[in-house]
Amino acid sequence: LGPVSRSAAATRNVAAGDDLQLALETAQPGDEIVLASGATFSGNFVLPVKSGDQVIVVRTGSAGVSLPANGVRTTPDYAGVLAKIRSSNTSPALTAAPGAHHWRLENLEFQANRDGVGDIIVLGGSQTQTSLAEMPHDIVLDRLYIHGDTTLGQKRGVALNSGYTEIRNSYISEIKSSEQDSQAIGGWNGRGPFVIENNYLEASGENVLFGGADPSITGLVPSDISIRRNTFSKPLVWRSQR
């Protein structure tokens, strides 16, 4: 799911205050949805199902802005210029509809849910997803800065219950809890393949977890998982915050 030719596709610019969900719903395969640098979009957004196999890209606008290039891991230093997506409540900031496919998210910041509750990004259902046909697939998260609240933490950065998914060059931090298990990336009801490469992954529980709960799809076992060149971290300062 690398960069593809979009000579005939549209670029849909989304300014601060615009309806991001409407942009997601009306985008056509091959389009780019370009979010204004520094703008914040608050809600519970859903990647809808589209036809065909052309990728829709959602990214921060790069005109006049310095952003990490392809293959370069992002860091919190870019927070000032990234478009920001955050939940308006304790539900995920972003989910993928059952069967959604061919979406690519680049150079975006995902902020903590209210009170640090739940998952920030959810790809695939944990209980409602009972067949392979319902599983989102062909999704790429690239150069995303995903983080919990510095004080309250977060249960999980990405719930990975999907088909083919890549998480690359991203920075997932402040995923911590003194009351429950927490994971930067965790999945139990997705078949893969999964590529987790060149990320910074910070969690007080498991940095990456596959399993921990029974899948809702009978007989499913996550497989073809590649984990390469990541930094796993558990900051020692968290000990004084317990």
C-alpha atoms as a PDB file:
ATOM      1  CA  LEU A   1       0.000   0.000   0.000  1.00  0.00           C
ATOM      2  CA  GLY A   2       2.768   2.410  -0.888  1.00  0.00           C
ATOM      3  CA  PRO A   3       2.326   5.737  -2.663  1.00  0.00           C
ATOM      4  CA  VAL A   4       0.201   5.417  -5.803  1.00  0.00           C
ATOM      5  CA  SER A   5      -0.468   7.597  -8.838  1.00  0.00           C
ATOM      6  CA  ARG A   6      -3.342  10.009  -8.279  1.00  0.00           C
ATOM      7  CA  SER A   7      -3.196  12.071 -11.470  1.00  0.00           C
ATOM      8  CA  ALA A   8      -6.949  11.727 -11.985  1.00  0.00           C
ATOM      9  CA  ALA A   9      -7.915  11.911  -8.312  1.00  0.00           C
ATOM     10  CA  ALA A  10      -9.190  14.859  -6.328  1.00  0.00           C
ATOM     11  CA  THR A  11      -7.548  16.671  -3.448  1.00  0.00           C
ATOM     12  CA  ARG A  12     -10.108  17.538  -0.778  1.00  0.00           C
ATOM     13  CA  ASN A  13      -8.909  20.259   1.562  1.00  0.00           C
ATOM     14  CA  VAL A  14     -10.449  20.254   5.037  1.00  0.00           C
ATOM     15  CA  ALA A  15     -10.018  23.436   7.056  1.00  0.00           C
ATOM     16  CA  ALA A  16     -10.458  23.922  10.787  1.00  0.00           C
ATOM     17  CA  GLY A  17     -14.178  23.829  11.541  1.00  0.00           C
ATOM     18  CA  ASP A  18     -15.042  21.790   8.439  1.00  0.00           C
ATOM     19  CA  ASP A  19     -16.871  18.464   8.651  1.00  0.00           C
ATOM     20  CA  LEU A  20     -14.186  15.775   8.589  1.00  0.00           C
ATOM     21  CA  GLN A  21     -16.703  12.909   8.617  1.00  0.00           C
ATOM     22  CA  LEU A  22     -18.407  14.375   5.542  1.00  0.00           C
ATOM     23  CA  ALA A  23     -15.023  14.496   3.803  1.00  0.00           C
ATOM     24  CA  LEU A  24     -14.443  10.825   4.636  1.00  0.00           C
ATOM     25  CA  GLU A  25     -17.911   9.870   3.402  1.00  0.00           C
ATOM     26  CA  THR A  26     -17.719  11.754   0.104  1.00  0.00           C
ATOM     27  CA  ALA A  27     -14.111  10.942  -0.825  1.00  0.00           C
ATOM     28  CA  GLN A  28     -13.686   8.730  -3.858  1.00  0.00           C
ATOM     29  CA  PRO A  29     -11.084   5.968  -4.248  1.00  0.00           C
ATOM     30  CA  GLY A  30      -7.723   7.536  -5.084  1.00  0.00           C
ATOM     31  CA  ASP A  31      -8.517  10.898  -3.462  1.00  0.00           C
ATOM     32  CA  GLU A  32      -6.413  12.733  -0.904  1.00  0.00           C
ATOM     33  CA  ILE A  33      -8.072  14.332   2.119  1.00  0.00           C
ATOM     34  CA  VAL A  34      -5.734  17.100   3.256  1.00  0.00           C
ATOM     35  CA  LEU A  35      -6.297  18.468   6.754  1.00  0.00           C
ATOM     36  CA  ALA A  36      -5.143  21.967   7.615  1.00  0.00           C
ATOM     37  CA  SER A  37      -1.860  22.063   9.494  1.00  0.00           C
ATOM     38  CA  GLY A  38      -2.418  22.604  13.222  1.00  0.00           C
ATOM     39  CA  ALA A  39      -6.210  22.271  13.008  1.00  0.00           C
ATOM     40  CA  THR A  40      -8.062  20.103  15.547  1.00  0.00           C
ATOM     41  CA  PHE A  41     -10.962  17.845  14.564  1.00  0.00           C
ATOM     42  CA  SER A  42     -12.988  16.565  17.498  1.00  0.00           C
ATOM     43  CA  GLY A  43     -15.401  13.644  17.212  1.00  0.00           C
ATOM     44  CA  ASN A  44     -15.715   9.905  16.718  1.00  0.00           C
ATOM     45  CA  PHE A  45     -14.757   9.473  13.091  1.00  0.00           C
ATOM     46  CA  VAL A  46     -15.353   6.386  10.949  1.00  0.00           C
ATOM     47  CA  LEU A  47     -13.490   5.195   7.858  1.00  0.00           C
ATOM     48  CA  PRO A  48     -16.328   4.096   5.547  1.00  0.00           C
ATOM     49  CA  VAL A  49     -16.420   1.267   3.024  1.00  0.00           C
ATOM     50  CA  LYS A  50     -15.434   2.255  -0.530  1.00  0.00           C
ATOM     51  CA  SER A  51     -15.365   0.249  -3.749  1.00  0.00           C
ATOM     52  CA  GLY A  52     -12.270  -0.813  -5.671  1.00  0.00           C
ATOM     53  CA  ASP A  53      -8.654  -0.976  -4.558  1.00  0.00           C
ATOM     54  CA  GLN A  54      -7.424   2.600  -4.968  1.00  0.00           C
ATOM     55  CA  VAL A  55      -6.113   4.051  -1.717  1.00  0.00           C
ATOM     56  CA  ILE A  56      -7.662   7.109  -0.071  1.00  0.00           C
ATOM     57  CA  VAL A  57      -5.044   9.128   1.812  1.00  0.00           C
ATOM     58  CA  VAL A  58      -5.806  11.284   4.860  1.00  0.00           C
ATOM     59  CA  ARG A  59      -2.896  13.544   5.800  1.00  0.00           C
ATOM     60  CA  THR A  60      -1.765  16.897   7.164  1.00  0.00           C
ATOM     61  CA  GLY A  61      -1.238  19.559   4.521  1.00  0.00           C
ATOM     62  CA  SER A  62       2.454  20.042   3.825  1.00  0.00           C
ATOM     63  CA  ALA A  63       2.489  23.422   2.048  1.00  0.00           C
ATOM     64  CA  GLY A  64       5.004  25.552   3.917  1.00  0.00           C
ATOM     65  CA  VAL A  65       5.296  22.924   6.660  1.00  0.00           C
ATOM     66  CA  SER A  66       8.221  20.639   7.439  1.00  0.00           C
ATOM     67  CA  LEU A  67       7.050  17.052   7.993  1.00  0.00           C
ATOM     68  CA  PRO A  68       8.968  13.757   8.196  1.00  0.00           C
ATOM     69  CA  ALA A  69       9.617  12.192   4.810  1.00  0.00           C
ATOM     70  CA  ASN A  70       8.665   8.672   3.737  1.00  0.00           C
ATOM     71  CA  GLY A  71      10.491   6.125   5.885  1.00  0.00           C
ATOM     72  CA  VAL A  72      11.352   8.600   8.671  1.00  0.00           C
ATOM     73  CA  ARG A  73       9.890   8.023  12.139  1.00  0.00           C
ATOM     74  CA  THR A  74       7.839  10.927  13.436  1.00  0.00           C
ATOM     75  CA  THR A  75       8.316  12.440  16.905  1.00  0.00           C
ATOM     76  CA  PRO A  76       6.350  14.742  19.249  1.00  0.00           C
ATOM     77  CA  ASP A  77       8.455  17.621  17.897  1.00  0.00           C
ATOM     78  CA  TYR A  78       6.037  17.811  14.962  1.00  0.00           C
ATOM     79  CA  ALA A  79       2.961  18.284  17.164  1.00  0.00           C
ATOM     80  CA  GLY A  80       2.824  22.002  16.471  1.00  0.00           C
ATOM     81  CA  VAL A  81       2.216  21.521  12.757  1.00  0.00           C
ATOM     82  CA  LEU A  82       0.268  18.249  12.593  1.00  0.00           C
ATOM     83  CA  ALA A  83      -3.485  18.209  12.100  1.00  0.00           C
ATOM     84  CA  LYS A  84      -5.013  16.772  15.268  1.00  0.00           C
ATOM     85  CA  ILE A  85      -7.833  14.263  15.650  1.00  0.00           C
ATOM     86  CA  ARG A  86      -9.292  13.592  19.061  1.00  0.00           C
ATOM     87  CA  SER A  87     -12.313  11.933  20.581  1.00  0.00           C
ATOM     88  CA  SER A  88     -14.971  14.195  22.032  1.00  0.00           C
ATOM     89  CA  ASN A  89     -15.742  11.553  24.685  1.00  0.00           C
ATOM     90  CA  THR A  90     -14.444   8.173  25.892  1.00  0.00           C
ATOM     91  CA  SER A  91     -15.091   6.384  22.576  1.00  0.00           C
ATOM     92  CA  PRO A  92     -12.344   6.024  19.944  1.00  0.00           C
ATOM     93  CA  ALA A  93     -11.294   9.032  17.909  1.00  0.00           C
ATOM     94  CA  LEU A  94     -11.221   6.823  14.805  1.00  0.00           C
ATOM     95  CA  THR A  95     -12.726   3.478  13.873  1.00  0.00           C
ATOM     96  CA  ALA A  96     -12.972   1.545  10.624  1.00  0.00           C
ATOM     97  CA  ALA A  97     -16.410   0.445   9.466  1.00  0.00           C
ATOM     98  CA  PRO A  98     -16.890  -3.316   8.990  1.00  0.00           C
ATOM     99  CA  GLY A  99     -15.174  -4.248   5.734  1.00  0.00           C
ATOM    100  CA  ALA A 100     -13.524  -0.835   5.216  1.00  0.00           C
ATOM    101  CA  HIS A 101     -10.368  -1.071   3.113  1.00  0.00           C
ATOM    102  CA  HIS A 102      -7.650   0.821   1.265  1.00  0.00           C
ATOM    103  CA  TRP A 103      -7.201   3.761   3.619  1.00  0.00           C
ATOM    104  CA  ARG A 104      -3.859   5.384   4.399  1.00  0.00           C
ATOM    105  CA  LEU A 105      -3.316   7.879   7.236  1.00  0.00           C
ATOM    106  CA  GLU A 106      -0.141   9.977   7.189  1.00  0.00           C
ATOM    107  CA  ASN A 107       1.424  12.680   9.373  1.00  0.00           C
ATOM    108  CA  LEU A 108      -1.442  13.158  11.831  1.00  0.00           C
ATOM    109  CA  GLU A 109      -1.683  13.521  15.607  1.00  0.00           C
ATOM    110  CA  PHE A 110      -4.234  11.507  17.583  1.00  0.00           C
ATOM    111  CA  GLN A 111      -4.797  12.843  21.076  1.00  0.00           C
ATOM    112  CA  ALA A 112      -6.043  11.142  24.238  1.00  0.00           C
ATOM    113  CA  ASN A 113      -9.683  10.248  24.804  1.00  0.00           C
ATOM    114  CA  ARG A 114     -11.546  11.959  27.618  1.00  0.00           C
ATOM    115  CA  ASP A 115     -10.176  10.735  30.964  1.00  0.00           C
ATOM    116  CA  GLY A 116      -7.766   8.421  29.115  1.00  0.00           C
ATOM    117  CA  VAL A 117     -10.507   5.812  28.697  1.00  0.00           C
ATOM    118  CA  GLY A 118     -10.523   3.099  26.032  1.00  0.00           C
ATOM    119  CA  ASP A 119      -8.770   2.926  22.667  1.00  0.00           C
ATOM    120  CA  ILE A 120      -7.706   5.884  20.534  1.00  0.00           C
ATOM    121  CA  ILE A 121      -7.850   4.058  17.169  1.00  0.00           C
ATOM    122  CA  VAL A 122      -9.909   0.909  16.595  1.00  0.00           C
ATOM    123  CA  LEU A 123      -9.418  -1.173  13.457  1.00  0.00           C
ATOM    124  CA  GLY A 124     -11.945  -4.018  13.580  1.00  0.00           C
ATOM    125  CA  GLY A 125     -14.435  -5.141  16.192  1.00  0.00           C
ATOM    126  CA  SER A 126     -13.540  -7.138  19.270  1.00  0.00           C
ATOM    127  CA  GLN A 127     -16.944  -8.796  19.817  1.00  0.00           C
ATOM    128  CA  THR A 128     -19.297  -7.654  17.047  1.00  0.00           C
ATOM    129  CA  GLN A 129     -16.911  -8.812  14.294  1.00  0.00           C
ATOM    130  CA  THR A 130     -17.797 -12.481  13.799  1.00  0.00           C
ATOM    131  CA  SER A 131     -16.779 -13.119  10.171  1.00  0.00           C
ATOM    132  CA  LEU A 132     -13.779 -12.396   7.953  1.00  0.00           C
ATOM    133  CA  ALA A 133     -15.997 -10.365   5.613  1.00  0.00           C
ATOM    134  CA  GLU A 134     -16.567  -7.818   8.387  1.00  0.00           C
ATOM    135  CA  MET A 135     -12.852  -7.316   9.000  1.00  0.00           C
ATOM    136  CA  PRO A 136     -11.282  -4.027   7.835  1.00  0.00           C
ATOM    137  CA  HIS A 137      -8.174  -4.576   5.717  1.00  0.00           C
ATOM    138  CA  ASP A 138      -5.507  -2.897   3.599  1.00  0.00           C
ATOM    139  CA  ILE A 139      -5.009  -0.024   6.009  1.00  0.00           C
ATOM    140  CA  VAL A 140      -1.766   1.890   6.600  1.00  0.00           C
ATOM    141  CA  LEU A 141      -0.934   4.095   9.589  1.00  0.00           C
ATOM    142  CA  ASP A 142       2.234   5.984   8.695  1.00  0.00           C
ATOM    143  CA  ARG A 143       4.025   8.703  10.681  1.00  0.00           C
ATOM    144  CA  LEU A 144       1.238   9.119  13.228  1.00  0.00           C
ATOM    145  CA  TYR A 145       1.781  10.659  16.648  1.00  0.00           C
ATOM    146  CA  ILE A 146      -0.669   8.860  18.942  1.00  0.00           C
ATOM    147  CA  HIS A 147      -0.598   9.601  22.648  1.00  0.00           C
ATOM    148  CA  GLY A 148      -2.457   9.301  25.902  1.00  0.00           C
ATOM    149  CA  ASP A 149      -2.900  12.010  28.510  1.00  0.00           C
ATOM    150  CA  THR A 150       0.335  12.843  30.326  1.00  0.00           C
ATOM    151  CA  THR A 151      -1.409  12.437  33.701  1.00  0.00           C
ATOM    152  CA  LEU A 152      -4.304  10.042  33.075  1.00  0.00           C
ATOM    153  CA  GLY A 153      -2.654   7.888  30.406  1.00  0.00           C
ATOM    154  CA  GLN A 154      -4.688   5.707  28.032  1.00  0.00           C
ATOM    155  CA  LYS A 155      -5.862   2.103  27.867  1.00  0.00           C
ATOM    156  CA  ARG A 156      -4.688   1.419  24.304  1.00  0.00           C
ATOM    157  CA  GLY A 157      -3.218   3.288  21.350  1.00  0.00           C
ATOM    158  CA  VAL A 158      -4.348   1.048  18.477  1.00  0.00           C
ATOM    159  CA  ALA A 159      -6.743  -1.904  18.657  1.00  0.00           C
ATOM    160  CA  LEU A 160      -5.566  -4.073  15.776  1.00  0.00           C
ATOM    161  CA  ASN A 161      -8.371  -6.479  14.866  1.00  0.00           C
ATOM    162  CA  SER A 162      -8.069  -6.152  11.121  1.00  0.00           C
ATOM    163  CA  GLY A 163      -6.796  -7.886   8.022  1.00  0.00           C
ATOM    164  CA  TYR A 164      -3.690  -6.604   6.231  1.00  0.00           C
ATOM    165  CA  THR A 165      -2.487  -3.564   8.177  1.00  0.00           C
ATOM    166  CA  GLU A 166       0.766  -1.624   8.369  1.00  0.00           C
ATOM    167  CA  ILE A 167       1.827   0.595  11.272  1.00  0.00           C
ATOM    168  CA  ARG A 168       5.026   2.382  10.291  1.00  0.00           C
ATOM    169  CA  ASN A 169       7.229   5.275  11.373  1.00  0.00           C
ATOM    170  CA  SER A 170       4.818   6.267  14.160  1.00  0.00           C
ATOM    171  CA  TYR A 171       5.196   7.417  17.762  1.00  0.00           C
ATOM    172  CA  ILE A 172       2.782   5.986  20.336  1.00  0.00           C
ATOM    173  CA  SER A 173       3.316   7.253  23.878  1.00  0.00           C
ATOM    174  CA  GLU A 174       1.732   7.843  27.300  1.00  0.00           C
ATOM    175  CA  ILE A 175      -0.187   4.557  27.051  1.00  0.00           C
ATOM    176  CA  LYS A 176      -0.224   3.831  30.751  1.00  0.00           C
ATOM    177  CA  SER A 177      -2.486   2.826  33.609  1.00  0.00           C
ATOM    178  CA  SER A 178      -2.001   1.828  37.232  1.00  0.00           C
ATOM    179  CA  GLU A 179      -5.432   0.146  37.275  1.00  0.00           C
ATOM    180  CA  GLN A 180      -5.552  -2.020  34.139  1.00  0.00           C
ATOM    181  CA  ASP A 181      -3.429  -3.605  31.448  1.00  0.00           C
ATOM    182  CA  SER A 182      -2.492  -1.265  28.618  1.00  0.00           C
ATOM    183  CA  GLN A 183      -0.939  -1.664  25.163  1.00  0.00           C
ATOM    184  CA  ALA A 184       0.466   0.663  22.540  1.00  0.00           C
ATOM    185  CA  ILE A 185      -0.805  -1.880  19.981  1.00  0.00           C
ATOM    186  CA  GLY A 186      -3.063  -4.806  20.875  1.00  0.00           C
ATOM    187  CA  GLY A 187      -5.145  -7.251  18.870  1.00  0.00           C
ATOM    188  CA  TRP A 188      -6.966 -10.556  19.279  1.00  0.00           C
ATOM    189  CA  ASN A 189      -9.664 -10.695  16.585  1.00  0.00           C
ATOM    190  CA  GLY A 190      -7.742  -9.869  13.398  1.00  0.00           C
ATOM    191  CA  ARG A 191      -6.063 -12.321  11.060  1.00  0.00           C
ATOM    192  CA  GLY A 192      -3.317 -10.078   9.628  1.00  0.00           C
ATOM    193  CA  PRO A 193      -0.872  -9.969   7.954  1.00  0.00           C
ATOM    194  CA  PHE A 194       0.520  -7.180  10.132  1.00  0.00           C
ATOM    195  CA  VAL A 195       3.629  -5.060   9.581  1.00  0.00           C
ATOM    196  CA  ILE A 196       4.792  -3.067  12.627  1.00  0.00           C
ATOM    197  CA  GLU A 197       7.984  -1.298  11.602  1.00  0.00           C
ATOM    198  CA  ASN A 198      10.166   1.593  12.770  1.00  0.00           C
ATOM    199  CA  ASN A 199       7.858   2.850  15.518  1.00  0.00           C
ATOM    200  CA  TYR A 200       8.375   4.195  19.027  1.00  0.00           C
ATOM    201  CA  LEU A 201       5.980   2.198  21.231  1.00  0.00           C
ATOM    202  CA  GLU A 202       5.465   3.161  24.863  1.00  0.00           C
ATOM    203  CA  ALA A 203       3.115   1.299  27.214  1.00  0.00           C
ATOM    204  CA  SER A 204       3.005   0.364  30.889  1.00  0.00           C
ATOM    205  CA  GLY A 205       1.583  -3.068  30.040  1.00  0.00           C
ATOM    206  CA  GLU A 206       2.506  -4.796  26.798  1.00  0.00           C
ATOM    207  CA  ASN A 207       4.062  -2.601  24.141  1.00  0.00           C
ATOM    208  CA  VAL A 208       2.606  -4.980  21.530  1.00  0.00           C
ATOM    209  CA  LEU A 209       0.133  -7.742  22.382  1.00  0.00           C
ATOM    210  CA  PHE A 210      -1.563 -10.367  20.229  1.00  0.00           C
ATOM    211  CA  GLY A 211      -3.991 -12.451  22.242  1.00  0.00           C
ATOM    212  CA  GLY A 212      -5.185 -11.840  25.756  1.00  0.00           C
ATOM    213  CA  ALA A 213      -8.814 -12.532  24.795  1.00  0.00           C
ATOM    214  CA  ASP A 214     -10.675 -15.119  22.753  1.00  0.00           C
ATOM    215  CA  PRO A 215     -11.422 -14.094  19.140  1.00  0.00           C
ATOM    216  CA  SER A 216     -15.055 -13.661  18.154  1.00  0.00           C
ATOM    217  CA  ILE A 217     -14.273 -15.253  14.780  1.00  0.00           C
ATOM    218  CA  THR A 218     -14.220 -19.009  15.314  1.00  0.00           C
ATOM    219  CA  GLY A 219     -10.791 -20.551  14.846  1.00  0.00           C
ATOM    220  CA  LEU A 220      -9.039 -17.270  14.073  1.00  0.00           C
ATOM    221  CA  VAL A 221      -5.342 -17.013  14.900  1.00  0.00           C
ATOM    222  CA  PRO A 222      -3.409 -13.794  14.075  1.00  0.00           C
ATOM    223  CA  SER A 223      -0.582 -14.706  11.702  1.00  0.00           C
ATOM    224  CA  ASP A 224       2.115 -13.345   9.376  1.00  0.00           C
ATOM    225  CA  ILE A 225       3.216 -10.686  11.855  1.00  0.00           C
ATOM    226  CA  SER A 226       6.392  -8.723  11.105  1.00  0.00           C
ATOM    227  CA  ILE A 227       7.822  -6.558  13.915  1.00  0.00           C
ATOM    228  CA  ARG A 228      11.008  -4.769  12.856  1.00  0.00           C
ATOM    229  CA  ARG A 229      13.192  -1.849  13.978  1.00  0.00           C
ATOM    230  CA  ASN A 230      10.879  -0.603  16.726  1.00  0.00           C
ATOM    231  CA  THR A 231      11.809   1.054  20.016  1.00  0.00           C
ATOM    232  CA  PHE A 232       9.911  -0.394  22.998  1.00  0.00           C
ATOM    233  CA  SER A 233       9.920   1.854  26.054  1.00  0.00           C
ATOM    234  CA  LYS A 234       8.625   1.953  29.635  1.00  0.00           C
ATOM    235  CA  PRO A 235       9.795   5.301  31.082  1.00  0.00           C
ATOM    236  CA  LEU A 236      11.200   4.984  34.589  1.00  0.00           C
ATOM    237  CA  VAL A 237       9.443   8.216  35.586  1.00  0.00           C
ATOM    238  CA  TRP A 238       6.163   6.281  35.514  1.00  0.00           C
ATOM    239  CA  ARG A 239       7.216   4.500  38.720  1.00  0.00           C
ATOM    240  CA  SER A 240       6.854   7.761  40.651  1.00  0.00           C
ATOM    241  CA  GLN A 241       3.400   8.363  39.127  1.00  0.00           C
ATOM    242  CA  ARG A 242       1.810   5.171  40.472  1.00  0.00           C
END
